[in-house]
Amino acid sequence: MAELARDLERVSGVPAPTRPVPFAALYALAGAGELWHRLTRRPLLISLATVRLMAREREKSHFDSSKAERELGVTFRPVEETLRDELAWYREHGFLPHPIPASHGQRMASSARSDEAPL
């Protein structure tokens, strides 16, 4: 997950989390979330079953595609390309905001710092 977060940070420009979340905190969050779900019927952020699965599989979840590539001739595109397409899909469907162009953000920041009228 840490590697995926770094890849996602690279393609999105959004800083990835840098601190791991302890499993005790995940269990507490999932337990509270399930209780909240039962009361409100709102969707869960994370379930106890998911946290249990993460805890059980964390040392086993390493994947290698070399056998499929070698024996089946399967090819995979770069992960960063897939992540870029995924972000674009989420933006197109309104789940993520469109990025503000860097030049626009710089103009807004510089005009906010200045007490002069823009040219």
C-alpha atoms as a PDB file:
ATOM      1  CA  MET A   1       0.000   0.000   0.000  1.00  0.00           C
ATOM      2  CA  ALA A   2       2.860   2.382   0.762  1.00  0.00           C
ATOM      3  CA  GLU A   3       4.247   1.895  -2.747  1.00  0.00           C
ATOM      4  CA  LEU A   4       0.805   2.441  -4.287  1.00  0.00           C
ATOM      5  CA  ALA A   5       0.359   5.615  -2.199  1.00  0.00           C
ATOM      6  CA  ARG A   6       3.707   6.936  -3.483  1.00  0.00           C
ATOM      7  CA  ASP A   7       2.714   6.152  -7.091  1.00  0.00           C
ATOM      8  CA  LEU A   8      -0.641   7.865  -6.605  1.00  0.00           C
ATOM      9  CA  GLU A   9       1.102  10.886  -5.085  1.00  0.00           C
ATOM     10  CA  ARG A  10       3.378  11.101  -8.127  1.00  0.00           C
ATOM     11  CA  VAL A  11       0.544  11.063 -10.679  1.00  0.00           C
ATOM     12  CA  SER A  12      -1.970  13.164  -8.735  1.00  0.00           C
ATOM     13  CA  GLY A  13       0.296  15.744  -7.133  1.00  0.00           C
ATOM     14  CA  VAL A  14      -1.523  15.195  -3.823  1.00  0.00           C
ATOM     15  CA  PRO A  15       0.782  14.336  -0.917  1.00  0.00           C
ATOM     16  CA  ALA A  16       0.461  10.751   0.286  1.00  0.00           C
ATOM     17  CA  PRO A  17       0.045   9.957   3.969  1.00  0.00           C
ATOM     18  CA  THR A  18       3.398   9.501   5.656  1.00  0.00           C
ATOM     19  CA  ARG A  19       2.409   7.896   8.951  1.00  0.00           C
ATOM     20  CA  PRO A  20       1.093   4.351   9.221  1.00  0.00           C
ATOM     21  CA  VAL A  21      -2.223   3.899  11.011  1.00  0.00           C
ATOM     22  CA  PRO A  22      -1.955   1.388  13.873  1.00  0.00           C
ATOM     23  CA  PHE A  23      -4.260  -1.615  13.620  1.00  0.00           C
ATOM     24  CA  ALA A  24      -5.778  -0.742  17.012  1.00  0.00           C
ATOM     25  CA  ALA A  25      -6.933   2.578  15.543  1.00  0.00           C
ATOM     26  CA  LEU A  26      -8.311   0.818  12.443  1.00  0.00           C
ATOM     27  CA  TYR A  27     -10.253  -1.632  14.626  1.00  0.00           C
ATOM     28  CA  ALA A  28     -11.659   1.258  16.670  1.00  0.00           C
ATOM     29  CA  LEU A  29     -12.595   3.219  13.540  1.00  0.00           C
ATOM     30  CA  ALA A  30     -14.208   0.178  11.929  1.00  0.00           C
ATOM     31  CA  GLY A  31     -16.142  -0.711  15.097  1.00  0.00           C
ATOM     32  CA  ALA A  32     -17.448   2.837  15.483  1.00  0.00           C
ATOM     33  CA  GLY A  33     -18.239   2.955  11.764  1.00  0.00           C
ATOM     34  CA  GLU A  34     -20.263  -0.252  11.909  1.00  0.00           C
ATOM     35  CA  LEU A  35     -22.249   1.055  14.879  1.00  0.00           C
ATOM     36  CA  TRP A  36     -22.871   4.335  13.032  1.00  0.00           C
ATOM     37  CA  HIS A  37     -23.934   2.365   9.939  1.00  0.00           C
ATOM     38  CA  ARG A  38     -26.463   0.353  11.965  1.00  0.00           C
ATOM     39  CA  LEU A  39     -27.955   3.551  13.385  1.00  0.00           C
ATOM     40  CA  THR A  40     -27.992   5.657  10.214  1.00  0.00           C
ATOM     41  CA  ARG A  41     -27.747   3.144   7.327  1.00  0.00           C
ATOM     42  CA  ARG A  42     -24.997   5.302   5.820  1.00  0.00           C
ATOM     43  CA  PRO A  43     -22.184   3.520   3.934  1.00  0.00           C
ATOM     44  CA  LEU A  44     -19.163   2.254   5.846  1.00  0.00           C
ATOM     45  CA  LEU A  45     -15.749   3.807   5.410  1.00  0.00           C
ATOM     46  CA  ILE A  46     -14.105   0.566   6.563  1.00  0.00           C
ATOM     47  CA  SER A  47     -15.562  -2.606   8.063  1.00  0.00           C
ATOM     48  CA  LEU A  48     -14.260  -4.863  10.812  1.00  0.00           C
ATOM     49  CA  ALA A  49     -14.061  -7.665   8.242  1.00  0.00           C
ATOM     50  CA  THR A  50     -11.793  -5.504   6.067  1.00  0.00           C
ATOM     51  CA  VAL A  51      -9.493  -4.676   8.991  1.00  0.00           C
ATOM     52  CA  ARG A  52      -9.304  -8.355   9.952  1.00  0.00           C
ATOM     53  CA  LEU A  53      -8.440  -9.258   6.362  1.00  0.00           C
ATOM     54  CA  MET A  54      -5.768  -6.550   6.215  1.00  0.00           C
ATOM     55  CA  ALA A  55      -4.231  -7.785   9.475  1.00  0.00           C
ATOM     56  CA  ARG A  56      -4.265 -11.428   8.365  1.00  0.00           C
ATOM     57  CA  GLU A  57      -2.944 -10.819   4.848  1.00  0.00           C
ATOM     58  CA  ARG A  58      -0.508  -7.938   5.333  1.00  0.00           C
ATOM     59  CA  GLU A  59       2.620 -10.108   5.073  1.00  0.00           C
ATOM     60  CA  LYS A  60       1.157 -12.306   2.315  1.00  0.00           C
ATOM     61  CA  SER A  61      -0.037  -9.687  -0.162  1.00  0.00           C
ATOM     62  CA  HIS A  62       2.934  -9.478  -2.487  1.00  0.00           C
ATOM     63  CA  PHE A  63       2.186 -10.074  -6.148  1.00  0.00           C
ATOM     64  CA  ASP A  64       4.430 -10.992  -9.021  1.00  0.00           C
ATOM     65  CA  SER A  65       3.184 -11.078 -12.606  1.00  0.00           C
ATOM     66  CA  SER A  66       6.295 -12.715 -14.080  1.00  0.00           C
ATOM     67  CA  LYS A  67       4.715 -16.202 -14.328  1.00  0.00           C
ATOM     68  CA  ALA A  68       1.676 -14.867 -16.223  1.00  0.00           C
ATOM     69  CA  GLU A  69       3.964 -12.858 -18.479  1.00  0.00           C
ATOM     70  CA  ARG A  70       6.273 -15.818 -19.099  1.00  0.00           C
ATOM     71  CA  GLU A  71       3.718 -18.615 -19.488  1.00  0.00           C
ATOM     72  CA  LEU A  72       0.712 -16.778 -20.923  1.00  0.00           C
ATOM     73  CA  GLY A  73       2.374 -13.916 -22.767  1.00  0.00           C
ATOM     74  CA  VAL A  74       0.351 -11.395 -20.768  1.00  0.00           C
ATOM     75  CA  THR A  75       1.570  -7.823 -20.843  1.00  0.00           C
ATOM     76  CA  PHE A  76       0.692  -5.076 -18.406  1.00  0.00           C
ATOM     77  CA  ARG A  77       0.878  -1.359 -18.849  1.00  0.00           C
ATOM     78  CA  PRO A  78       2.696   0.805 -16.287  1.00  0.00           C
ATOM     79  CA  VAL A  79       0.874   1.319 -12.988  1.00  0.00           C
ATOM     80  CA  GLU A  80       1.239   5.101 -13.223  1.00  0.00           C
ATOM     81  CA  GLU A  81      -0.607   5.108 -16.563  1.00  0.00           C
ATOM     82  CA  THR A  82      -3.473   3.125 -15.015  1.00  0.00           C
ATOM     83  CA  LEU A  83      -3.614   5.476 -12.029  1.00  0.00           C
ATOM     84  CA  ARG A  84      -3.726   8.534 -14.317  1.00  0.00           C
ATOM     85  CA  ASP A  85      -6.653   7.007 -16.221  1.00  0.00           C
ATOM     86  CA  GLU A  86      -8.393   6.148 -12.960  1.00  0.00           C
ATOM     87  CA  LEU A  87      -8.041   9.706 -11.647  1.00  0.00           C
ATOM     88  CA  ALA A  88      -9.358  11.058 -14.957  1.00  0.00           C
ATOM     89  CA  TRP A  89     -12.406   8.768 -14.730  1.00  0.00           C
ATOM     90  CA  TYR A  90     -13.162   9.912 -11.177  1.00  0.00           C
ATOM     91  CA  ARG A  91     -12.835  13.562 -12.250  1.00  0.00           C
ATOM     92  CA  GLU A  92     -15.036  13.066 -15.335  1.00  0.00           C
ATOM     93  CA  HIS A  93     -17.747  11.497 -13.185  1.00  0.00           C
ATOM     94  CA  GLY A  94     -17.647  14.206 -10.512  1.00  0.00           C
ATOM     95  CA  PHE A  95     -16.039  12.163  -7.729  1.00  0.00           C
ATOM     96  CA  LEU A  96     -12.881  14.309  -7.693  1.00  0.00           C
ATOM     97  CA  PRO A  97     -12.394  18.001  -8.445  1.00  0.00           C
ATOM     98  CA  HIS A  98     -10.505  18.985 -11.555  1.00  0.00           C
ATOM     99  CA  PRO A  99      -7.004  20.216 -10.730  1.00  0.00           C
ATOM    100  CA  ILE A 100      -6.410  23.963 -10.711  1.00  0.00           C
ATOM    101  CA  PRO A 101      -3.691  24.871 -13.236  1.00  0.00           C
ATOM    102  CA  ALA A 102      -0.468  25.878 -11.472  1.00  0.00           C
ATOM    103  CA  SER A 103      -0.349  29.276 -13.201  1.00  0.00           C
ATOM    104  CA  HIS A 104      -3.914  30.087 -12.032  1.00  0.00           C
ATOM    105  CA  GLY A 105      -3.090  29.106  -8.453  1.00  0.00           C
ATOM    106  CA  GLN A 106       0.066  31.227  -8.513  1.00  0.00           C
ATOM    107  CA  ARG A 107      -1.838  34.273  -9.826  1.00  0.00           C
ATOM    108  CA  MET A 108      -4.455  33.913  -7.113  1.00  0.00           C
ATOM    109  CA  ALA A 109      -1.808  33.481  -4.406  1.00  0.00           C
ATOM    110  CA  SER A 110       0.230  36.472  -5.579  1.00  0.00           C
ATOM    111  CA  SER A 111      -2.817  38.741  -5.837  1.00  0.00           C
ATOM    112  CA  ALA A 112      -3.959  37.669  -2.385  1.00  0.00           C
ATOM    113  CA  ARG A 113      -0.611  38.717  -0.912  1.00  0.00           C
ATOM    114  CA  SER A 114      -0.526  42.047  -2.667  1.00  0.00           C
ATOM    115  CA  ASP A 115      -2.531  45.090  -1.615  1.00  0.00           C
ATOM    116  CA  GLU A 116      -2.259  46.477  -5.146  1.00  0.00           C
ATOM    117  CA  ALA A 117      -4.956  46.150  -7.767  1.00  0.00           C
ATOM    118  CA  PRO A 118      -4.257  43.513 -10.435  1.00  0.00           C
ATOM    119  CA  LEU A 119      -3.062  44.811 -13.802  1.00  0.00           C
END
